[in-house]
Each structure stands twice: as C-alpha cells, then as structure tokens.
Amino acid sequence: MKIVKNTFFVSLLLVYRTTKVEGMLAVIRLATFHPNILQKELHNIVLALVDEVKNLRSSVSRSAIFTLGDLLIKMKKHIEPVS
C-alpha cells in the first residue's frame, strides 16, 4: 500500500511540473501570436514567473527563465520597470 501511495505522489508531482512547463509554453505562444491578450495581466504573469524561477525543480526554473526572456524580447514595449 505504501509503494502505491508513493508512486501516485511521484506521478502527481510529475504531472504538476509538466503542467507548469506547458503553461509557460502557452504564455510564449500567446506572446508571439496574441500579445494583446497578455497585456492586461502582464504584470501578474511576470510576478508568477519570477516566483517559478525560485522553484527547486531545475526544469521548471529553467523554463521560467526562458519564458521571461522570450517575454522581454516579444513584448519589450509593454514591459515597464516597477517604480
């Protein structure tokens, strides 16, 4: 029974991590093809990505860094520094 629980927990974490990375890829696609959709919530998206940079999973952290870089390249005129 304990092995089944651990296997379920590991698969749940794997799905969760994969979902985060897929969500970041969706943000990149939106920035590429529909940047006007992201403009309204760009500040919240950037804050969420900055939190994911601190994620202990290297794949999630790396994806967050690349996503932030892509957002800066594709939406540079809409990203302003916070004063």
PDB file of N, CA and C in Angstrom:
ATOM      1  N   MET A   1       0.820  -1.193   0.000  1.00  0.00           N
ATOM      2  CA  MET A   1       0.000   0.000   0.000  1.00  0.00           C
ATOM      3  C   MET A   1       0.864   1.257   0.000  1.00  0.00           C
ATOM      4  N   LYS A   2       1.965   1.231   0.764  1.00  0.00           N
ATOM      5  CA  LYS A   2       2.836   2.394   0.846  1.00  0.00           C
ATOM      6  C   LYS A   2       3.499   2.674  -0.510  1.00  0.00           C
ATOM      7  N   ILE A   3       3.881   1.640  -1.225  1.00  0.00           N
ATOM      8  CA  ILE A   3       4.506   1.813  -2.539  1.00  0.00           C
ATOM      9  C   ILE A   3       3.517   2.451  -3.507  1.00  0.00           C
ATOM     10  N   VAL A   4       2.276   2.047  -3.443  1.00  0.00           N
ATOM     11  CA  VAL A   4       1.252   2.604  -4.325  1.00  0.00           C
ATOM     12  C   VAL A   4       1.069   4.097  -4.034  1.00  0.00           C
ATOM     13  N   LYS A   5       1.035   4.469  -2.761  1.00  0.00           N
ATOM     14  CA  LYS A   5       0.891   5.881  -2.398  1.00  0.00           C
ATOM     15  C   LYS A   5       2.069   6.691  -2.913  1.00  0.00           C
ATOM     16  N   ASN A   6       3.299   6.186  -2.716  1.00  0.00           N
ATOM     17  CA  ASN A   6       4.483   6.904  -3.169  1.00  0.00           C
ATOM     18  C   ASN A   6       4.505   7.037  -4.687  1.00  0.00           C
ATOM     19  N   THR A   7       4.114   5.997  -5.397  1.00  0.00           N
ATOM     20  CA  THR A   7       4.072   6.044  -6.848  1.00  0.00           C
ATOM     21  C   THR A   7       3.049   7.071  -7.312  1.00  0.00           C
ATOM     22  N   PHE A   8       1.896   7.091  -6.661  1.00  0.00           N
ATOM     23  CA  PHE A   8       0.870   8.068  -7.006  1.00  0.00           C
ATOM     24  C   PHE A   8       1.370   9.482  -6.753  1.00  0.00           C
ATOM     25  N   PHE A   9       2.029   9.696  -5.619  1.00  0.00           N
ATOM     26  CA  PHE A   9       2.526  11.022  -5.266  1.00  0.00           C
ATOM     27  C   PHE A   9       3.580  11.488  -6.267  1.00  0.00           C
ATOM     28  N   VAL A  10       4.495  10.607  -6.647  1.00  0.00           N
ATOM     29  CA  VAL A  10       5.535  10.957  -7.618  1.00  0.00           C
ATOM     30  C   VAL A  10       4.910  11.275  -8.969  1.00  0.00           C
ATOM     31  N   SER A  11       3.937  10.494  -9.405  1.00  0.00           N
ATOM     32  CA  SER A  11       3.294  10.775 -10.691  1.00  0.00           C
ATOM     33  C   SER A  11       2.503  12.080 -10.629  1.00  0.00           C
ATOM     34  N   LEU A  12       1.916  12.379  -9.471  1.00  0.00           N
ATOM     35  CA  LEU A  12       1.195  13.638  -9.307  1.00  0.00           C
ATOM     36  C   LEU A  12       2.148  14.823  -9.404  1.00  0.00           C
ATOM     37  N   LEU A  13       3.308  14.721  -8.768  1.00  0.00           N
ATOM     38  CA  LEU A  13       4.307  15.783  -8.860  1.00  0.00           C
ATOM     39  C   LEU A  13       4.809  15.947 -10.291  1.00  0.00           C
ATOM     40  N   LEU A  14       4.998  14.845 -10.990  1.00  0.00           N
ATOM     41  CA  LEU A  14       5.461  14.899 -12.367  1.00  0.00           C
ATOM     42  C   LEU A  14       4.443  15.598 -13.254  1.00  0.00           C
ATOM     43  N   VAL A  15       3.170  15.284 -13.076  1.00  0.00           N
ATOM     44  CA  VAL A  15       2.122  15.935 -13.852  1.00  0.00           C
ATOM     45  C   VAL A  15       2.079  17.416 -13.521  1.00  0.00           C
ATOM     46  N   TYR A  16       2.203  17.759 -12.261  1.00  0.00           N
ATOM     47  CA  TYR A  16       2.164  19.159 -11.837  1.00  0.00           C
ATOM     48  C   TYR A  16       3.313  19.942 -12.463  1.00  0.00           C
ATOM     49  N   ARG A  17       4.504  19.350 -12.454  1.00  0.00           N
ATOM     50  CA  ARG A  17       5.672  20.014 -13.030  1.00  0.00           C
ATOM     51  C   ARG A  17       5.501  20.169 -14.532  1.00  0.00           C
ATOM     52  N   THR A  18       5.019  19.143 -15.194  1.00  0.00           N
ATOM     53  CA  THR A  18       4.800  19.190 -16.631  1.00  0.00           C
ATOM     54  C   THR A  18       3.749  20.230 -16.972  1.00  0.00           C
ATOM     55  N   THR A  19       2.718  20.339 -16.162  1.00  0.00           N
ATOM     56  CA  THR A  19       1.680  21.324 -16.401  1.00  0.00           C
ATOM     57  C   THR A  19       2.233  22.740 -16.302  1.00  0.00           C
ATOM     58  N   LYS A  20       3.113  22.994 -15.351  1.00  0.00           N
ATOM     59  CA  LYS A  20       3.713  24.319 -15.225  1.00  0.00           C
ATOM     60  C   LYS A  20       4.520  24.667 -16.471  1.00  0.00           C
ATOM     61  N   VAL A  21       5.319  23.721 -16.930  1.00  0.00           N
ATOM     62  CA  VAL A  21       6.149  23.968 -18.115  1.00  0.00           C
ATOM     63  C   VAL A  21       5.264  24.172 -19.342  1.00  0.00           C
ATOM     64  N   GLU A  22       4.223  23.385 -19.473  1.00  0.00           N
ATOM     65  CA  GLU A  22       3.301  23.563 -20.596  1.00  0.00           C
ATOM     66  C   GLU A  22       2.597  24.914 -20.521  1.00  0.00           C
ATOM     67  N   GLY A  23       2.275  25.360 -19.326  1.00  0.00           N
ATOM     68  CA  GLY A  23       1.671  26.674 -19.161  1.00  0.00           C
ATOM     69  C   GLY A  23       2.620  27.789 -19.587  1.00  0.00           C
ATOM     70  N   MET A  24       3.892  27.620 -19.284  1.00  0.00           N
ATOM     71  CA  MET A  24       4.876  28.610 -19.705  1.00  0.00           C
ATOM     72  C   MET A  24       5.020  28.624 -21.227  1.00  0.00           C
ATOM     73  N   LEU A  25       4.963  27.468 -21.836  1.00  0.00           N
ATOM     74  CA  LEU A  25       4.999  27.410 -23.303  1.00  0.00           C
ATOM     75  C   LEU A  25       3.776  28.089 -23.903  1.00  0.00           C
ATOM     76  N   ALA A  26       2.642  27.962 -23.246  1.00  0.00           N
ATOM     77  CA  ALA A  26       1.427  28.635 -23.721  1.00  0.00           C
ATOM     78  C   ALA A  26       1.588  30.147 -23.618  1.00  0.00           C
ATOM     79  N   VAL A  27       2.239  30.617 -22.568  1.00  0.00           N
ATOM     80  CA  VAL A  27       2.482  32.059 -22.427  1.00  0.00           C
ATOM     81  C   VAL A  27       3.372  32.552 -23.573  1.00  0.00           C
ATOM     82  N   ILE A  28       4.382  31.778 -23.920  1.00  0.00           N
ATOM     83  CA  ILE A  28       5.264  32.159 -25.031  1.00  0.00           C
ATOM     84  C   ILE A  28       4.481  32.215 -26.339  1.00  0.00           C
ATOM     85  N   ARG A  29       3.623  31.227 -26.558  1.00  0.00           N
ATOM     86  CA  ARG A  29       2.815  31.229 -27.787  1.00  0.00           C
ATOM     87  C   ARG A  29       1.864  32.420 -27.817  1.00  0.00           C
ATOM     88  N   LEU A  30       1.267  32.735 -26.684  1.00  0.00           N
ATOM     89  CA  LEU A  30       0.389  33.907 -26.631  1.00  0.00           C
ATOM     90  C   LEU A  30       1.167  35.191 -26.897  1.00  0.00           C
ATOM     91  N   ALA A  31       2.357  35.299 -26.346  1.00  0.00           N
ATOM     92  CA  ALA A  31       3.172  36.496 -26.578  1.00  0.00           C
ATOM     93  C   ALA A  31       3.562  36.616 -28.048  1.00  0.00           C
ATOM     94  N   THR A  32       3.736  35.488 -28.700  1.00  0.00           N
ATOM     95  CA  THR A  32       4.133  35.502 -30.105  1.00  0.00           C
ATOM     96  C   THR A  32       2.970  35.851 -31.018  1.00  0.00           C
ATOM     97  N   PHE A  33       1.825  35.220 -30.809  1.00  0.00           N
ATOM     98  CA  PHE A  33       0.725  35.338 -31.756  1.00  0.00           C
ATOM     99  C   PHE A  33      -0.416  36.255 -31.304  1.00  0.00           C
ATOM    100  N   HIS A  34      -0.589  36.438 -30.000  1.00  0.00           N
ATOM    101  CA  HIS A  34      -1.686  37.264 -29.474  1.00  0.00           C
ATOM    102  C   HIS A  34      -1.203  38.113 -28.298  1.00  0.00           C
ATOM    103  N   PRO A  35      -0.259  39.014 -28.514  1.00  0.00           N
ATOM    104  CA  PRO A  35       0.291  39.785 -27.381  1.00  0.00           C
ATOM    105  C   PRO A  35      -0.741  40.680 -26.696  1.00  0.00           C
ATOM    106  N   ASN A  36      -1.778  41.071 -27.420  1.00  0.00           N
ATOM    107  CA  ASN A  36      -2.790  41.939 -26.801  1.00  0.00           C
ATOM    108  C   ASN A  36      -3.546  41.234 -25.683  1.00  0.00           C
ATOM    109  N   ILE A  37      -3.625  39.922 -25.734  1.00  0.00           N
ATOM    110  CA  ILE A  37      -4.301  39.161 -24.673  1.00  0.00           C
ATOM    111  C   ILE A  37      -3.481  39.222 -23.375  1.00  0.00           C
ATOM    112  N   LEU A  38      -2.165  39.197 -23.515  1.00  0.00           N
ATOM    113  CA  LEU A  38      -1.299  39.197 -22.333  1.00  0.00           C
ATOM    114  C   LEU A  38      -1.116  40.576 -21.718  1.00  0.00           C
ATOM    115  N   GLN A  39      -1.367  41.625 -22.459  1.00  0.00           N
ATOM    116  CA  GLN A  39      -1.096  42.975 -21.963  1.00  0.00           C
ATOM    117  C   GLN A  39      -1.813  43.293 -20.660  1.00  0.00           C
ATOM    118  N   LYS A  40      -3.041  42.846 -20.528  1.00  0.00           N
ATOM    119  CA  LYS A  40      -3.836  43.188 -19.340  1.00  0.00           C
ATOM    120  C   LYS A  40      -3.265  42.572 -18.068  1.00  0.00           C
ATOM    121  N   GLU A  41      -2.759  41.355 -18.175  1.00  0.00           N
ATOM    122  CA  GLU A  41      -2.269  40.632 -16.992  1.00  0.00           C
ATOM    123  C   GLU A  41      -0.761  40.427 -17.016  1.00  0.00           C
ATOM    124  N   LEU A  42      -0.048  41.228 -17.784  1.00  0.00           N
ATOM    125  CA  LEU A  42       1.390  41.017 -17.954  1.00  0.00           C
ATOM    126  C   LEU A  42       2.145  41.137 -16.633  1.00  0.00           C
ATOM    127  N   HIS A  43       1.765  42.097 -15.814  1.00  0.00           N
ATOM    128  CA  HIS A  43       2.449  42.269 -14.525  1.00  0.00           C
ATOM    129  C   HIS A  43       2.298  41.030 -13.652  1.00  0.00           C
ATOM    130  N   ASN A  44       1.096  40.489 -13.555  1.00  0.00           N
ATOM    131  CA  ASN A  44       0.859  39.284 -12.744  1.00  0.00           C
ATOM    132  C   ASN A  44       1.573  38.078 -13.325  1.00  0.00           C
ATOM    133  N   ILE A  45       1.629  37.980 -14.648  1.00  0.00           N
ATOM    134  CA  ILE A  45       2.319  36.864 -15.291  1.00  0.00           C
ATOM    135  C   ILE A  45       3.809  36.922 -14.978  1.00  0.00           C
ATOM    136  N   VAL A  46       4.391  38.112 -15.069  1.00  0.00           N
ATOM    137  CA  VAL A  46       5.817  38.266 -14.776  1.00  0.00           C
ATOM    138  C   VAL A  46       6.098  37.933 -13.314  1.00  0.00           C
ATOM    139  N   LEU A  47       5.251  38.377 -12.404  1.00  0.00           N
ATOM    140  CA  LEU A  47       5.450  38.057 -10.980  1.00  0.00           C
ATOM    141  C   LEU A  47       5.373  36.556 -10.731  1.00  0.00           C
ATOM    142  N   ALA A  48       4.430  35.887 -11.387  1.00  0.00           N
ATOM    143  CA  ALA A  48       4.309  34.432 -11.233  1.00  0.00           C
ATOM    144  C   ALA A  48       5.544  33.725 -11.795  1.00  0.00           C
ATOM    145  N   LEU A  49       6.050  34.213 -12.914  1.00  0.00           N
ATOM    146  CA  LEU A  49       7.245  33.604 -13.498  1.00  0.00           C
ATOM    147  C   LEU A  49       8.471  33.815 -12.618  1.00  0.00           C
ATOM    148  N   VAL A  50       8.575  34.989 -12.001  1.00  0.00           N
ATOM    149  CA  VAL A  50       9.700  35.248 -11.093  1.00  0.00           C
ATOM    150  C   VAL A  50       9.649  34.287  -9.907  1.00  0.00           C
ATOM    151  N   ASP A  51       8.463  33.999  -9.408  1.00  0.00           N
ATOM    152  CA  ASP A  51       8.336  33.014  -8.327  1.00  0.00           C
ATOM    153  C   ASP A  51       8.767  31.627  -8.789  1.00  0.00           C
ATOM    154  N   GLU A  52       8.459  31.281 -10.030  1.00  0.00           N
ATOM    155  CA  GLU A  52       8.833  29.962 -10.544  1.00  0.00           C
ATOM    156  C   GLU A  52      10.329  29.852 -10.810  1.00  0.00           C
ATOM    157  N   VAL A  53      11.018  30.973 -11.003  1.00  0.00           N
ATOM    158  CA  VAL A  53      12.474  30.938 -11.167  1.00  0.00           C
ATOM    159  C   VAL A  53      13.112  30.362  -9.902  1.00  0.00           C
ATOM    160  N   LYS A  54      12.480  30.587  -8.752  1.00  0.00           N
ATOM    161  CA  LYS A  54      12.991  30.094  -7.472  1.00  0.00           C
ATOM    162  C   LYS A  54      12.620  28.634  -7.208  1.00  0.00           C
ATOM    163  N   ASN A  55      11.885  28.017  -8.118  1.00  0.00           N
ATOM    164  CA  ASN A  55      11.438  26.640  -7.950  1.00  0.00           C
ATOM    165  C   ASN A  55      12.649  25.711  -7.857  1.00  0.00           C
ATOM    166  N   LEU A  56      12.574  24.736  -6.978  1.00  0.00           N
ATOM    167  CA  LEU A  56      13.694  23.815  -6.794  1.00  0.00           C
ATOM    168  C   LEU A  56      13.834  22.815  -7.934  1.00  0.00           C
ATOM    169  N   ARG A  57      12.806  22.633  -8.715  1.00  0.00           N
ATOM    170  CA  ARG A  57      12.890  21.765  -9.891  1.00  0.00           C
ATOM    171  C   ARG A  57      13.601  22.527 -11.003  1.00  0.00           C
ATOM    172  N   SER A  58      14.741  22.007 -11.432  1.00  0.00           N
ATOM    173  CA  SER A  58      15.540  22.744 -12.411  1.00  0.00           C
ATOM    174  C   SER A  58      14.811  22.920 -13.736  1.00  0.00           C
ATOM    175  N   SER A  59      13.992  21.953 -14.124  1.00  0.00           N
ATOM    176  CA  SER A  59      13.282  22.089 -15.403  1.00  0.00           C
ATOM    177  C   SER A  59      12.252  23.208 -15.348  1.00  0.00           C
ATOM    178  N   VAL A  60      11.583  23.362 -14.219  1.00  0.00           N
ATOM    179  CA  VAL A  60      10.601  24.431 -14.059  1.00  0.00           C
ATOM    180  C   VAL A  60      11.318  25.777 -13.999  1.00  0.00           C
ATOM    181  N   SER A  61      12.386  25.849 -13.234  1.00  0.00           N
ATOM    182  CA  SER A  61      13.140  27.090 -13.101  1.00  0.00           C
ATOM    183  C   SER A  61      13.716  27.523 -14.452  1.00  0.00           C
ATOM    184  N   ARG A  62      14.290  26.590 -15.175  1.00  0.00           N
ATOM    185  CA  ARG A  62      14.864  26.896 -16.489  1.00  0.00           C
ATOM    186  C   ARG A  62      13.784  27.389 -17.454  1.00  0.00           C
ATOM    187  N   SER A  63      12.638  26.739 -17.442  1.00  0.00           N
ATOM    188  CA  SER A  63      11.531  27.160 -18.314  1.00  0.00           C
ATOM    189  C   SER A  63      11.055  28.563 -17.956  1.00  0.00           C
ATOM    190  N   ALA A  64      11.012  28.874 -16.670  1.00  0.00           N
ATOM    191  CA  ALA A  64      10.589  30.211 -16.241  1.00  0.00           C
ATOM    192  C   ALA A  64      11.583  31.269 -16.720  1.00  0.00           C
ATOM    193  N   ILE A  65      12.865  30.963 -16.644  1.00  0.00           N
ATOM    194  CA  ILE A  65      13.883  31.909 -17.099  1.00  0.00           C
ATOM    195  C   ILE A  65      13.757  32.141 -18.603  1.00  0.00           C
ATOM    196  N   PHE A  66      13.615  31.062 -19.369  1.00  0.00           N
ATOM    197  CA  PHE A  66      13.460  31.206 -20.818  1.00  0.00           C
ATOM    198  C   PHE A  66      12.167  31.938 -21.182  1.00  0.00           C
ATOM    199  N   THR A  67      11.103  31.684 -20.431  1.00  0.00           N
ATOM    200  CA  THR A  67       9.837  32.360 -20.689  1.00  0.00           C
ATOM    201  C   THR A  67       9.952  33.852 -20.424  1.00  0.00           C
ATOM    202  N   LEU A  68      10.610  34.221 -19.334  1.00  0.00           N
ATOM    203  CA  LEU A  68      10.827  35.643 -19.059  1.00  0.00           C
ATOM    204  C   LEU A  68      11.652  36.300 -20.160  1.00  0.00           C
ATOM    205  N   GLY A  69      12.672  35.600 -20.632  1.00  0.00           N
ATOM    206  CA  GLY A  69      13.487  36.129 -21.723  1.00  0.00           C
ATOM    207  C   GLY A  69      12.685  36.331 -22.990  1.00  0.00           C
ATOM    208  N   ASP A  70      11.856  35.355 -23.327  1.00  0.00           N
ATOM    209  CA  ASP A  70      11.014  35.481 -24.515  1.00  0.00           C
ATOM    210  C   ASP A  70      10.011  36.622 -24.373  1.00  0.00           C
ATOM    211  N   LEU A  71       9.442  36.768 -23.178  1.00  0.00           N
ATOM    212  CA  LEU A  71       8.506  37.867 -22.953  1.00  0.00           C
ATOM    213  C   LEU A  71       9.198  39.221 -23.118  1.00  0.00           C
ATOM    214  N   LEU A  72      10.417  39.332 -22.615  1.00  0.00           N
ATOM    215  CA  LEU A  72      11.144  40.593 -22.759  1.00  0.00           C
ATOM    216  C   LEU A  72      11.440  40.897 -24.220  1.00  0.00           C
ATOM    217  N   ILE A  73      11.747  39.878 -24.999  1.00  0.00           N
ATOM    218  CA  ILE A  73      12.039  40.082 -26.418  1.00  0.00           C
ATOM    219  C   ILE A  73      10.773  40.433 -27.191  1.00  0.00           C
ATOM    220  N   LYS A  74       9.705  39.712 -26.939  1.00  0.00           N
ATOM    221  CA  LYS A  74       8.497  39.858 -27.746  1.00  0.00           C
ATOM    222  C   LYS A  74       7.583  40.997 -27.290  1.00  0.00           C
ATOM    223  N   MET A  75       7.658  41.373 -26.023  1.00  0.00           N
ATOM    224  CA  MET A  75       6.745  42.397 -25.510  1.00  0.00           C
ATOM    225  C   MET A  75       7.507  43.528 -24.837  1.00  0.00           C
ATOM    226  N   LYS A  76       8.675  43.849 -25.356  1.00  0.00           N
ATOM    227  CA  LYS A  76       9.547  44.814 -24.688  1.00  0.00           C
ATOM    228  C   LYS A  76       8.911  46.183 -24.501  1.00  0.00           C
ATOM    229  N   LYS A  77       8.081  46.610 -25.437  1.00  0.00           N
ATOM    230  CA  LYS A  77       7.480  47.934 -25.281  1.00  0.00           C
ATOM    231  C   LYS A  77       6.362  47.949 -24.242  1.00  0.00           C
ATOM    232  N   HIS A  78       5.868  46.784 -23.842  1.00  0.00           N
ATOM    233  CA  HIS A  78       4.781  46.713 -22.858  1.00  0.00           C
ATOM    234  C   HIS A  78       5.277  46.420 -21.456  1.00  0.00           C
ATOM    235  N   ILE A  79       6.534  46.025 -21.342  1.00  0.00           N
ATOM    236  CA  ILE A  79       7.096  45.724 -20.026  1.00  0.00           C
ATOM    237  C   ILE A  79       7.837  46.959 -19.536  1.00  0.00           C
ATOM    238  N   GLU A  80       7.377  47.482 -18.414  1.00  0.00           N
ATOM    239  CA  GLU A  80       7.978  48.672 -17.829  1.00  0.00           C
ATOM    240  C   GLU A  80       8.488  48.327 -16.452  1.00  0.00           C
ATOM    241  N   PRO A  81       9.574  48.970 -16.041  1.00  0.00           N
ATOM    242  CA  PRO A  81      10.070  48.720 -14.686  1.00  0.00           C
ATOM    243  C   PRO A  81       9.086  49.238 -13.639  1.00  0.00           C
ATOM    244  N   VAL A  82       9.016  48.536 -12.531  1.00  0.00           N
ATOM    245  CA  VAL A  82       8.154  48.962 -11.427  1.00  0.00           C
ATOM    246  C   VAL A  82       8.877  50.038 -10.650  1.00  0.00           C
ATOM    247  N   SER A  83       8.205  51.154 -10.414  1.00  0.00           N
ATOM    248  CA  SER A  83       8.858  52.251  -9.702  1.00  0.00           C
ATOM    249  C   SER A  83       8.576  52.234  -8.229  1.00  0.00           C
TER     250      SER A  83
END
